[in-house]
């Protein structure tokens, strides 16, 4: 058994909670294979593109992940697994909690959308000549600038 894949017991618990497969069109990749790929990514910390070939195309896995995120599947899965564990007496509410303070972003995640943009220095802008006469006339105070 591979250490990055679901066991049959784990899969038996998750399978009924996943969305049904579509009846028409091309059959999608198996949900178990997608979940195994997502577990591999989570455990290794590798980027999407480094997903091994045995899981299929990385874009397929990424698309399914984002689609499931959009429909709220992960929240429903967690709530149902928590309910099942609580019913079986597997959760001691005095001890168990989820703490997100140790979750950290990648070091490249600090920039905004689109990355850094080149900006003119104020000193260079002040020392450069005006590109039109509108700026000179506006400085004289007679008319508004263009």
C-alpha atoms as a PDB file:
ATOM      1  CA  UNK A   1       0.000   0.000   0.000  1.00  0.00           C
ATOM      2  CA  UNK A   2       1.270   3.465  -0.885  1.00  0.00           C
ATOM      3  CA  UNK A   3       1.488   5.867   2.029  1.00  0.00           C
ATOM      4  CA  UNK A   4      -0.118   8.689   0.019  1.00  0.00           C
ATOM      5  CA  UNK A   5      -3.318   6.871  -0.893  1.00  0.00           C
ATOM      6  CA  UNK A   6      -6.606   6.242   0.866  1.00  0.00           C
ATOM      7  CA  UNK A   7      -7.158   2.868   2.495  1.00  0.00           C
ATOM      8  CA  UNK A   8     -10.261   0.890   1.558  1.00  0.00           C
ATOM      9  CA  UNK A   9     -11.768   1.702   4.964  1.00  0.00           C
ATOM     10  CA  UNK A  10     -11.171   5.451   4.512  1.00  0.00           C
ATOM     11  CA  UNK A  11     -12.526   5.343   0.974  1.00  0.00           C
ATOM     12  CA  UNK A  12     -15.618   3.509   2.207  1.00  0.00           C
ATOM     13  CA  UNK A  13     -16.391   6.423   4.526  1.00  0.00           C
ATOM     14  CA  UNK A  14     -15.747   9.145   1.932  1.00  0.00           C
ATOM     15  CA  UNK A  15     -17.306   7.626  -1.194  1.00  0.00           C
ATOM     16  CA  UNK A  16     -20.971   8.198  -0.244  1.00  0.00           C
ATOM     17  CA  UNK A  17     -20.219  11.832   0.633  1.00  0.00           C
ATOM     18  CA  UNK A  18     -18.836  12.760  -2.791  1.00  0.00           C
ATOM     19  CA  UNK A  19     -20.957  14.105  -5.670  1.00  0.00           C
ATOM     20  CA  UNK A  20     -22.479  11.518  -8.022  1.00  0.00           C
ATOM     21  CA  UNK A  21     -20.816  10.887 -11.346  1.00  0.00           C
ATOM     22  CA  UNK A  22     -22.605  12.483 -14.327  1.00  0.00           C
ATOM     23  CA  UNK A  23     -24.817  10.194 -16.397  1.00  0.00           C
ATOM     24  CA  UNK A  24     -23.964  11.665 -19.775  1.00  0.00           C
ATOM     25  CA  UNK A  25     -20.811  12.858 -21.457  1.00  0.00           C
ATOM     26  CA  UNK A  26     -17.303  11.555 -21.098  1.00  0.00           C
ATOM     27  CA  UNK A  27     -16.810   9.730 -17.798  1.00  0.00           C
ATOM     28  CA  UNK A  28     -14.589  11.753 -15.446  1.00  0.00           C
ATOM     29  CA  UNK A  29     -11.563  10.476 -13.570  1.00  0.00           C
ATOM     30  CA  UNK A  30     -12.469   8.416 -10.535  1.00  0.00           C
ATOM     31  CA  UNK A  31     -13.063  10.417  -7.354  1.00  0.00           C
ATOM     32  CA  UNK A  32     -10.699   8.141  -5.445  1.00  0.00           C
ATOM     33  CA  UNK A  33      -7.840   8.894  -7.824  1.00  0.00           C
ATOM     34  CA  UNK A  34      -8.473  12.638  -7.482  1.00  0.00           C
ATOM     35  CA  UNK A  35      -8.566  12.418  -3.680  1.00  0.00           C
ATOM     36  CA  UNK A  36      -5.356  10.371  -3.683  1.00  0.00           C
ATOM     37  CA  UNK A  37      -3.720  13.039  -5.856  1.00  0.00           C
ATOM     38  CA  UNK A  38      -4.885  15.809  -3.510  1.00  0.00           C
ATOM     39  CA  UNK A  39      -3.576  13.886  -0.502  1.00  0.00           C
ATOM     40  CA  UNK A  40      -0.233  13.420  -2.244  1.00  0.00           C
ATOM     41  CA  UNK A  41      -0.042  17.162  -2.903  1.00  0.00           C
ATOM     42  CA  UNK A  42      -1.003  18.019   0.669  1.00  0.00           C
ATOM     43  CA  UNK A  43       1.490  15.617   2.220  1.00  0.00           C
ATOM     44  CA  UNK A  44       4.418  16.502  -0.018  1.00  0.00           C
ATOM     45  CA  UNK A  45       3.799  20.232  -0.422  1.00  0.00           C
ATOM     46  CA  UNK A  46       4.593  19.992  -4.120  1.00  0.00           C
ATOM     47  CA  UNK A  47       3.079  22.369  -6.696  1.00  0.00           C
ATOM     48  CA  UNK A  48       0.311  21.188  -9.033  1.00  0.00           C
ATOM     49  CA  UNK A  49       2.685  20.668 -11.951  1.00  0.00           C
ATOM     50  CA  UNK A  50       4.835  18.197 -10.000  1.00  0.00           C
ATOM     51  CA  UNK A  51       1.972  15.739  -9.577  1.00  0.00           C
ATOM     52  CA  UNK A  52       3.133  12.237 -10.610  1.00  0.00           C
ATOM     53  CA  UNK A  53       1.771  10.864 -13.869  1.00  0.00           C
ATOM     54  CA  UNK A  54      -0.024   7.998 -12.103  1.00  0.00           C
ATOM     55  CA  UNK A  55      -2.672  10.526 -10.954  1.00  0.00           C
ATOM     56  CA  UNK A  56      -3.349  11.801 -14.454  1.00  0.00           C
ATOM     57  CA  UNK A  57      -3.039  15.363 -15.748  1.00  0.00           C
ATOM     58  CA  UNK A  58      -2.453  17.935 -12.998  1.00  0.00           C
ATOM     59  CA  UNK A  59      -5.016  20.283 -14.566  1.00  0.00           C
ATOM     60  CA  UNK A  60      -7.729  17.677 -14.143  1.00  0.00           C
ATOM     61  CA  UNK A  61      -6.937  17.359 -10.447  1.00  0.00           C
ATOM     62  CA  UNK A  62      -6.761  21.145 -10.009  1.00  0.00           C
ATOM     63  CA  UNK A  63     -10.051  21.688 -11.845  1.00  0.00           C
ATOM     64  CA  UNK A  64     -11.848  19.114  -9.723  1.00  0.00           C
ATOM     65  CA  UNK A  65     -10.351  20.595  -6.534  1.00  0.00           C
ATOM     66  CA  UNK A  66     -11.510  24.118  -7.402  1.00  0.00           C
ATOM     67  CA  UNK A  67     -14.929  22.886  -8.529  1.00  0.00           C
ATOM     68  CA  UNK A  68     -15.415  21.017  -5.245  1.00  0.00           C
ATOM     69  CA  UNK A  69     -14.245  24.059  -3.302  1.00  0.00           C
ATOM     70  CA  UNK A  70     -16.747  26.264  -5.112  1.00  0.00           C
ATOM     71  CA  UNK A  71     -19.695  24.007  -4.276  1.00  0.00           C
ATOM     72  CA  UNK A  72     -18.618  23.752  -0.613  1.00  0.00           C
ATOM     73  CA  UNK A  73     -17.821  20.042  -0.678  1.00  0.00           C
ATOM     74  CA  UNK A  74     -14.862  20.294   1.716  1.00  0.00           C
ATOM     75  CA  UNK A  75     -16.954  21.955   4.435  1.00  0.00           C
ATOM     76  CA  UNK A  76     -19.676  19.329   4.053  1.00  0.00           C
ATOM     77  CA  UNK A  77     -17.121  16.492   4.141  1.00  0.00           C
ATOM     78  CA  UNK A  78     -15.489  17.842   7.278  1.00  0.00           C
ATOM     79  CA  UNK A  79     -18.850  18.378   9.001  1.00  0.00           C
ATOM     80  CA  UNK A  80     -20.023  14.857   8.150  1.00  0.00           C
ATOM     81  CA  UNK A  81     -16.754  13.210   9.221  1.00  0.00           C
ATOM     82  CA  UNK A  82     -16.876  15.201  12.449  1.00  0.00           C
ATOM     83  CA  UNK A  83     -20.467  14.077  13.018  1.00  0.00           C
ATOM     84  CA  UNK A  84     -19.522  10.447  12.377  1.00  0.00           C
ATOM     85  CA  UNK A  85     -16.546  10.629  14.741  1.00  0.00           C
ATOM     86  CA  UNK A  86     -18.639  12.324  17.431  1.00  0.00           C
ATOM     87  CA  UNK A  87     -21.370   9.678  17.130  1.00  0.00           C
ATOM     88  CA  UNK A  88     -18.746   6.944  17.525  1.00  0.00           C
ATOM     89  CA  UNK A  89     -17.331   8.706  20.597  1.00  0.00           C
ATOM     90  CA  UNK A  90     -14.079   9.516  18.819  1.00  0.00           C
ATOM     91  CA  UNK A  91     -14.020  13.214  19.676  1.00  0.00           C
ATOM     92  CA  UNK A  92     -13.316  14.597  23.109  1.00  0.00           C
ATOM     93  CA  UNK A  93     -14.577  18.170  22.776  1.00  0.00           C
ATOM     94  CA  UNK A  94     -12.435  19.246  25.731  1.00  0.00           C
ATOM     95  CA  UNK A  95      -9.260  18.318  23.863  1.00  0.00           C
ATOM     96  CA  UNK A  96      -9.863  18.484  20.088  1.00  0.00           C
ATOM     97  CA  UNK A  97      -9.876  21.748  18.190  1.00  0.00           C
ATOM     98  CA  UNK A  98      -8.673  23.070  14.864  1.00  0.00           C
ATOM     99  CA  UNK A  99      -6.089  25.798  15.090  1.00  0.00           C
ATOM    100  CA  UNK A 100      -5.069  27.614  11.933  1.00  0.00           C
ATOM    101  CA  UNK A 101      -2.262  29.677  13.433  1.00  0.00           C
ATOM    102  CA  UNK A 102       0.391  27.339  12.064  1.00  0.00           C
ATOM    103  CA  UNK A 103      -0.836  27.643   8.463  1.00  0.00           C
ATOM    104  CA  UNK A 104       1.623  29.751   6.508  1.00  0.00           C
ATOM    105  CA  UNK A 105       1.592  31.083   2.996  1.00  0.00           C
ATOM    106  CA  UNK A 106       4.385  30.405   0.564  1.00  0.00           C
ATOM    107  CA  UNK A 107       7.133  33.008   0.568  1.00  0.00           C
ATOM    108  CA  UNK A 108       6.075  34.176  -2.885  1.00  0.00           C
ATOM    109  CA  UNK A 109       2.475  34.731  -1.794  1.00  0.00           C
ATOM    110  CA  UNK A 110       3.148  38.204  -0.383  1.00  0.00           C
ATOM    111  CA  UNK A 111       2.685  40.165  -3.622  1.00  0.00           C
ATOM    112  CA  UNK A 112      -0.580  41.484  -4.937  1.00  0.00           C
ATOM    113  CA  UNK A 113      -2.332  40.357  -8.090  1.00  0.00           C
ATOM    114  CA  UNK A 114      -0.209  40.947 -11.142  1.00  0.00           C
ATOM    115  CA  UNK A 115       3.049  41.204  -9.261  1.00  0.00           C
ATOM    116  CA  UNK A 116       5.186  44.287  -8.911  1.00  0.00           C
ATOM    117  CA  UNK A 117       4.746  47.137 -11.352  1.00  0.00           C
ATOM    118  CA  UNK A 118       7.532  49.499 -12.279  1.00  0.00           C
ATOM    119  CA  UNK A 119       7.028  52.984 -10.845  1.00  0.00           C
ATOM    120  CA  UNK A 120       8.682  56.272 -11.738  1.00  0.00           C
ATOM    121  CA  UNK A 121      10.697  57.860  -9.030  1.00  0.00           C
ATOM    122  CA  UNK A 122       9.416  61.211  -7.832  1.00  0.00           C
ATOM    123  CA  UNK A 123      12.853  62.785  -8.336  1.00  0.00           C
ATOM    124  CA  UNK A 124      12.997  61.595 -11.931  1.00  0.00           C
ATOM    125  CA  UNK A 125       9.475  62.853 -12.614  1.00  0.00           C
ATOM    126  CA  UNK A 126      10.230  66.288 -11.116  1.00  0.00           C
ATOM    127  CA  UNK A 127      13.459  66.669 -13.099  1.00  0.00           C
ATOM    128  CA  UNK A 128      12.016  65.666 -16.449  1.00  0.00           C
ATOM    129  CA  UNK A 129      10.730  68.207 -18.910  1.00  0.00           C
ATOM    130  CA  UNK A 130       6.995  68.609 -19.455  1.00  0.00           C
ATOM    131  CA  UNK A 131       5.709  66.561 -22.371  1.00  0.00           C
ATOM    132  CA  UNK A 132       3.138  69.171 -23.434  1.00  0.00           C
ATOM    133  CA  UNK A 133       2.415  72.849 -22.974  1.00  0.00           C
ATOM    134  CA  UNK A 134      -0.691  72.086 -20.901  1.00  0.00           C
ATOM    135  CA  UNK A 135       1.446  71.594 -17.800  1.00  0.00           C
ATOM    136  CA  UNK A 136       3.204  74.965 -18.261  1.00  0.00           C
ATOM    137  CA  UNK A 137      -0.083  76.819 -18.813  1.00  0.00           C
ATOM    138  CA  UNK A 138      -1.671  75.090 -15.795  1.00  0.00           C
ATOM    139  CA  UNK A 139       1.284  76.116 -13.643  1.00  0.00           C
ATOM    140  CA  UNK A 140       0.750  79.742 -14.731  1.00  0.00           C
ATOM    141  CA  UNK A 141      -2.799  79.494 -13.386  1.00  0.00           C
ATOM    142  CA  UNK A 142      -4.705  80.740 -16.451  1.00  0.00           C
ATOM    143  CA  UNK A 143      -6.424  77.564 -17.610  1.00  0.00           C
ATOM    144  CA  UNK A 144      -7.073  74.108 -16.317  1.00  0.00           C
ATOM    145  CA  UNK A 145      -4.673  71.436 -17.442  1.00  0.00           C
ATOM    146  CA  UNK A 146      -5.705  68.937 -20.134  1.00  0.00           C
END
